[in-house]
N, C-alpha and C. Protein backbone atom coordinates (compact mmCIF):
# COMPACT_ATOMS: atom_id res chain seq x y z
N UNK A 1 12.84 -12.85 1.14
CA UNK A 1 12.21 -12.28 -0.04
C UNK A 1 12.57 -10.79 -0.08
N UNK A 2 13.13 -10.34 -1.18
CA UNK A 2 13.62 -8.97 -1.30
C UNK A 2 12.52 -7.93 -1.17
N UNK A 3 11.35 -8.22 -1.73
CA UNK A 3 10.25 -7.25 -1.67
C UNK A 3 9.81 -7.03 -0.23
N UNK A 4 9.79 -8.08 0.57
CA UNK A 4 9.41 -7.93 1.98
C UNK A 4 10.39 -7.01 2.70
N UNK A 5 11.69 -7.20 2.44
CA UNK A 5 12.69 -6.34 3.09
C UNK A 5 12.52 -4.90 2.64
N UNK A 6 12.30 -4.70 1.34
CA UNK A 6 12.12 -3.36 0.80
C UNK A 6 10.91 -2.68 1.43
N UNK A 7 9.78 -3.39 1.48
CA UNK A 7 8.58 -2.81 2.05
C UNK A 7 8.73 -2.56 3.54
N UNK A 8 9.36 -3.49 4.24
CA UNK A 8 9.56 -3.29 5.68
C UNK A 8 10.50 -2.11 5.94
N UNK A 9 11.53 -1.96 5.09
CA UNK A 9 12.43 -0.82 5.22
C UNK A 9 11.66 0.47 4.97
N UNK A 10 10.79 0.43 3.99
CA UNK A 10 9.93 1.58 3.70
C UNK A 10 9.07 1.91 4.90
N UNK A 11 8.50 0.89 5.50
CA UNK A 11 7.65 1.09 6.67
C UNK A 11 8.44 1.69 7.82
N UNK A 12 9.61 1.14 8.12
CA UNK A 12 10.37 1.65 9.26
C UNK A 12 10.88 3.06 9.01
N UNK A 13 11.30 3.37 7.78
CA UNK A 13 11.78 4.73 7.52
C UNK A 13 10.64 5.72 7.59
N UNK A 14 9.44 5.32 7.21
CA UNK A 14 8.30 6.23 7.28
C UNK A 14 7.86 6.48 8.71
N UNK A 15 8.18 5.60 9.62
CA UNK A 15 7.88 5.87 11.03
C UNK A 15 8.70 7.05 11.53
N UNK A 16 9.88 7.21 10.99
CA UNK A 16 10.74 8.32 11.39
C UNK A 16 10.34 9.62 10.75
N UNK A 17 9.68 9.55 9.62
CA UNK A 17 9.32 10.76 8.90
C UNK A 17 7.94 10.57 8.27
N UNK A 18 7.08 11.54 8.48
CA UNK A 18 5.73 11.46 7.93
C UNK A 18 5.71 11.84 6.45
N UNK A 19 6.82 12.31 5.92
CA UNK A 19 6.87 12.73 4.52
C UNK A 19 6.89 11.52 3.59
N UNK A 20 6.20 11.67 2.48
CA UNK A 20 6.19 10.65 1.44
C UNK A 20 7.02 11.18 0.29
N UNK A 21 8.00 10.40 -0.19
CA UNK A 21 8.85 10.90 -1.29
C UNK A 21 8.03 11.22 -2.54
N UNK A 22 8.52 12.15 -3.31
CA UNK A 22 7.86 12.52 -4.56
C UNK A 22 7.72 11.28 -5.44
N UNK A 23 6.54 11.13 -6.05
CA UNK A 23 6.30 9.98 -6.92
C UNK A 23 5.83 8.74 -6.18
N UNK A 24 5.55 8.88 -4.90
CA UNK A 24 5.09 7.77 -4.07
C UNK A 24 3.81 8.16 -3.34
N UNK A 25 3.14 7.16 -2.79
CA UNK A 25 1.92 7.39 -2.04
C UNK A 25 1.92 6.43 -0.84
N UNK A 26 1.37 6.91 0.27
CA UNK A 26 1.24 6.07 1.46
C UNK A 26 -0.08 5.30 1.38
N UNK A 27 -0.02 4.02 1.68
CA UNK A 27 -1.23 3.20 1.76
C UNK A 27 -1.20 2.48 3.10
N UNK A 28 -2.38 2.25 3.63
CA UNK A 28 -2.52 1.53 4.89
C UNK A 28 -3.17 0.19 4.58
N UNK A 29 -2.51 -0.87 5.02
CA UNK A 29 -2.91 -2.22 4.67
C UNK A 29 -3.28 -2.98 5.94
N UNK A 30 -4.37 -3.72 5.84
CA UNK A 30 -4.74 -4.60 6.94
C UNK A 30 -6.22 -4.67 7.13
N UNK A 31 -6.65 -5.79 7.69
CA UNK A 31 -8.06 -5.98 7.94
C UNK A 31 -8.43 -5.47 9.34
N UNK A 32 -7.53 -5.64 10.28
CA UNK A 32 -7.75 -5.13 11.64
C UNK A 32 -6.70 -4.07 11.96
N UNK A 33 -5.50 -4.51 12.22
CA UNK A 33 -4.40 -3.58 12.50
C UNK A 33 -3.84 -3.08 11.17
N UNK A 34 -3.74 -1.80 11.02
CA UNK A 34 -3.27 -1.20 9.77
C UNK A 34 -1.77 -0.92 9.83
N UNK A 35 -1.07 -1.27 8.74
CA UNK A 35 0.35 -0.96 8.62
C UNK A 35 0.53 -0.06 7.41
N UNK A 36 1.41 0.89 7.54
CA UNK A 36 1.65 1.88 6.49
C UNK A 36 2.78 1.43 5.58
N UNK A 37 2.54 1.52 4.28
CA UNK A 37 3.54 1.23 3.27
C UNK A 37 3.60 2.41 2.32
N UNK A 38 4.75 2.62 1.73
CA UNK A 38 4.93 3.67 0.73
C UNK A 38 5.27 2.98 -0.58
N UNK A 39 4.46 3.26 -1.60
CA UNK A 39 4.63 2.60 -2.89
C UNK A 39 4.72 3.65 -3.99
N UNK A 40 5.31 3.29 -5.13
CA UNK A 40 5.34 4.21 -6.27
C UNK A 40 3.93 4.48 -6.79
N UNK A 41 3.66 5.71 -7.18
CA UNK A 41 2.36 6.08 -7.71
C UNK A 41 2.02 5.25 -8.96
N UNK A 42 3.02 4.85 -9.71
CA UNK A 42 2.79 4.08 -10.94
C UNK A 42 2.05 2.77 -10.67
N UNK A 43 2.16 2.22 -9.46
CA UNK A 43 1.46 0.97 -9.13
C UNK A 43 -0.05 1.14 -9.19
N UNK A 44 -0.53 2.35 -8.97
CA UNK A 44 -1.97 2.58 -8.92
C UNK A 44 -2.66 2.31 -10.26
N UNK A 45 -1.92 2.31 -11.35
CA UNK A 45 -2.49 2.09 -12.68
C UNK A 45 -2.59 0.62 -13.07
N UNK A 46 -1.93 -0.27 -12.36
CA UNK A 46 -1.93 -1.69 -12.71
C UNK A 46 -3.25 -2.34 -12.32
N UNK A 47 -3.71 -3.26 -13.17
CA UNK A 47 -5.02 -3.89 -12.94
C UNK A 47 -5.08 -4.63 -11.61
N UNK A 48 -4.01 -5.28 -11.19
CA UNK A 48 -4.02 -5.99 -9.91
C UNK A 48 -4.21 -5.00 -8.76
N UNK A 49 -3.56 -3.86 -8.85
CA UNK A 49 -3.70 -2.86 -7.79
C UNK A 49 -5.06 -2.18 -7.88
N UNK A 50 -5.58 -2.03 -9.10
CA UNK A 50 -6.91 -1.46 -9.27
C UNK A 50 -7.96 -2.28 -8.54
N UNK A 51 -7.79 -3.59 -8.52
CA UNK A 51 -8.72 -4.45 -7.79
C UNK A 51 -8.66 -4.15 -6.29
N UNK A 52 -7.46 -3.92 -5.76
CA UNK A 52 -7.33 -3.56 -4.34
C UNK A 52 -8.01 -2.21 -4.08
N UNK A 53 -7.85 -1.28 -5.00
CA UNK A 53 -8.49 0.03 -4.84
C UNK A 53 -10.01 -0.08 -4.89
N UNK A 54 -10.50 -0.99 -5.72
CA UNK A 54 -11.95 -1.21 -5.79
C UNK A 54 -12.45 -1.75 -4.44
N UNK A 55 -11.70 -2.66 -3.83
CA UNK A 55 -12.06 -3.19 -2.50
C UNK A 55 -12.08 -2.05 -1.47
N UNK A 56 -11.12 -1.16 -1.56
CA UNK A 56 -11.06 -0.03 -0.64
C UNK A 56 -12.27 0.88 -0.82
N UNK A 57 -12.64 1.11 -2.08
CA UNK A 57 -13.81 1.95 -2.36
C UNK A 57 -15.08 1.30 -1.82
N UNK A 58 -15.20 -0.01 -2.00
CA UNK A 58 -16.37 -0.73 -1.50
C UNK A 58 -16.46 -0.66 0.03
N UNK A 59 -15.33 -0.74 0.69
CA UNK A 59 -15.31 -0.74 2.15
C UNK A 59 -15.45 0.65 2.75
N UNK A 60 -14.79 1.65 2.15
CA UNK A 60 -14.71 2.97 2.78
C UNK A 60 -15.28 4.11 1.94
N UNK A 61 -15.67 3.84 0.72
CA UNK A 61 -16.04 4.94 -0.16
C UNK A 61 -14.78 5.75 -0.45
N UNK A 62 -14.90 7.04 -0.39
CA UNK A 62 -13.72 7.88 -0.61
C UNK A 62 -13.26 8.55 0.68
N UNK A 63 -13.76 8.08 1.81
CA UNK A 63 -13.34 8.59 3.12
C UNK A 63 -12.35 7.60 3.72
N UNK A 64 -11.11 8.04 3.88
CA UNK A 64 -10.06 7.19 4.44
C UNK A 64 -9.55 7.85 5.72
N UNK A 65 -10.03 7.38 6.86
CA UNK A 65 -9.72 8.04 8.13
C UNK A 65 -8.24 8.02 8.52
N UNK A 66 -7.44 7.18 7.90
CA UNK A 66 -6.02 7.10 8.25
C UNK A 66 -5.22 8.23 7.61
N UNK A 67 -5.82 8.98 6.69
CA UNK A 67 -5.10 10.06 6.03
C UNK A 67 -4.46 9.64 4.73
N UNK A 68 -4.51 8.38 4.41
CA UNK A 68 -4.00 7.85 3.15
C UNK A 68 -4.98 6.80 2.68
N UNK A 69 -4.68 6.16 1.58
CA UNK A 69 -5.55 5.11 1.07
C UNK A 69 -5.48 3.91 2.01
N UNK A 70 -6.64 3.47 2.47
CA UNK A 70 -6.71 2.30 3.34
C UNK A 70 -7.26 1.14 2.52
N UNK A 71 -6.50 0.04 2.48
CA UNK A 71 -6.91 -1.12 1.69
C UNK A 71 -7.16 -2.29 2.64
N UNK A 72 -8.41 -2.79 2.66
CA UNK A 72 -8.77 -3.85 3.60
C UNK A 72 -8.39 -5.24 3.09
N UNK A 73 -7.09 -5.53 3.03
CA UNK A 73 -6.65 -6.86 2.62
C UNK A 73 -5.51 -7.28 3.54
N UNK A 74 -5.15 -8.54 3.47
CA UNK A 74 -4.06 -9.02 4.32
C UNK A 74 -2.72 -8.45 3.82
N UNK A 75 -1.79 -8.35 4.72
CA UNK A 75 -0.46 -7.86 4.36
C UNK A 75 0.19 -8.81 3.35
N UNK A 76 -0.02 -10.11 3.52
CA UNK A 76 0.56 -11.09 2.59
C UNK A 76 0.03 -10.90 1.17
N UNK A 77 -1.28 -10.68 1.03
CA UNK A 77 -1.86 -10.45 -0.30
C UNK A 77 -1.28 -9.19 -0.92
N UNK A 78 -1.18 -8.12 -0.13
CA UNK A 78 -0.62 -6.87 -0.62
C UNK A 78 0.81 -7.07 -1.12
N UNK A 79 1.61 -7.78 -0.35
CA UNK A 79 3.01 -8.02 -0.73
C UNK A 79 3.07 -8.86 -2.00
N UNK A 80 2.18 -9.83 -2.14
CA UNK A 80 2.13 -10.63 -3.37
C UNK A 80 1.82 -9.75 -4.58
N UNK A 81 0.83 -8.87 -4.44
CA UNK A 81 0.45 -7.98 -5.53
C UNK A 81 1.61 -7.06 -5.89
N UNK A 82 2.23 -6.45 -4.90
CA UNK A 82 3.35 -5.54 -5.15
C UNK A 82 4.53 -6.29 -5.76
N UNK A 83 4.76 -7.52 -5.31
CA UNK A 83 5.85 -8.32 -5.88
C UNK A 83 5.62 -8.57 -7.38
N UNK A 84 4.37 -8.87 -7.74
CA UNK A 84 4.08 -9.11 -9.15
C UNK A 84 4.24 -7.83 -9.97
N UNK A 85 3.95 -6.68 -9.40
CA UNK A 85 4.09 -5.41 -10.10
C UNK A 85 5.56 -5.07 -10.33
N UNK A 86 6.39 -5.41 -9.40
CA UNK A 86 7.83 -5.12 -9.53
C UNK A 86 8.45 -5.94 -10.64
N UNK A 87 7.86 -7.09 -10.95
CA UNK A 87 8.41 -7.96 -12.01
C UNK A 87 8.06 -7.47 -13.40
N UNK A 88 7.05 -6.58 -13.49
CA UNK A 88 6.63 -6.10 -14.81
C UNK A 88 7.33 -4.84 -15.21
């Protein structure tokens, strides 16, 4: 699946550099172990992603100890949501 490769490449490149490219945001995904992904800021406006943000707000309020947005969902669900956003 192309989106998985893209996201994994994003994850591995971000391990080498803490910088987030302009127009992107780092998010931490996972229910137990957190993995960092870098996504376009434009995804934050989509209703499917808004639901993930609502879950994050319910779980953490506006305090995100990882330094970025932490979303308490499975990696598979996150990849499904991002895949659907890329198609639009």
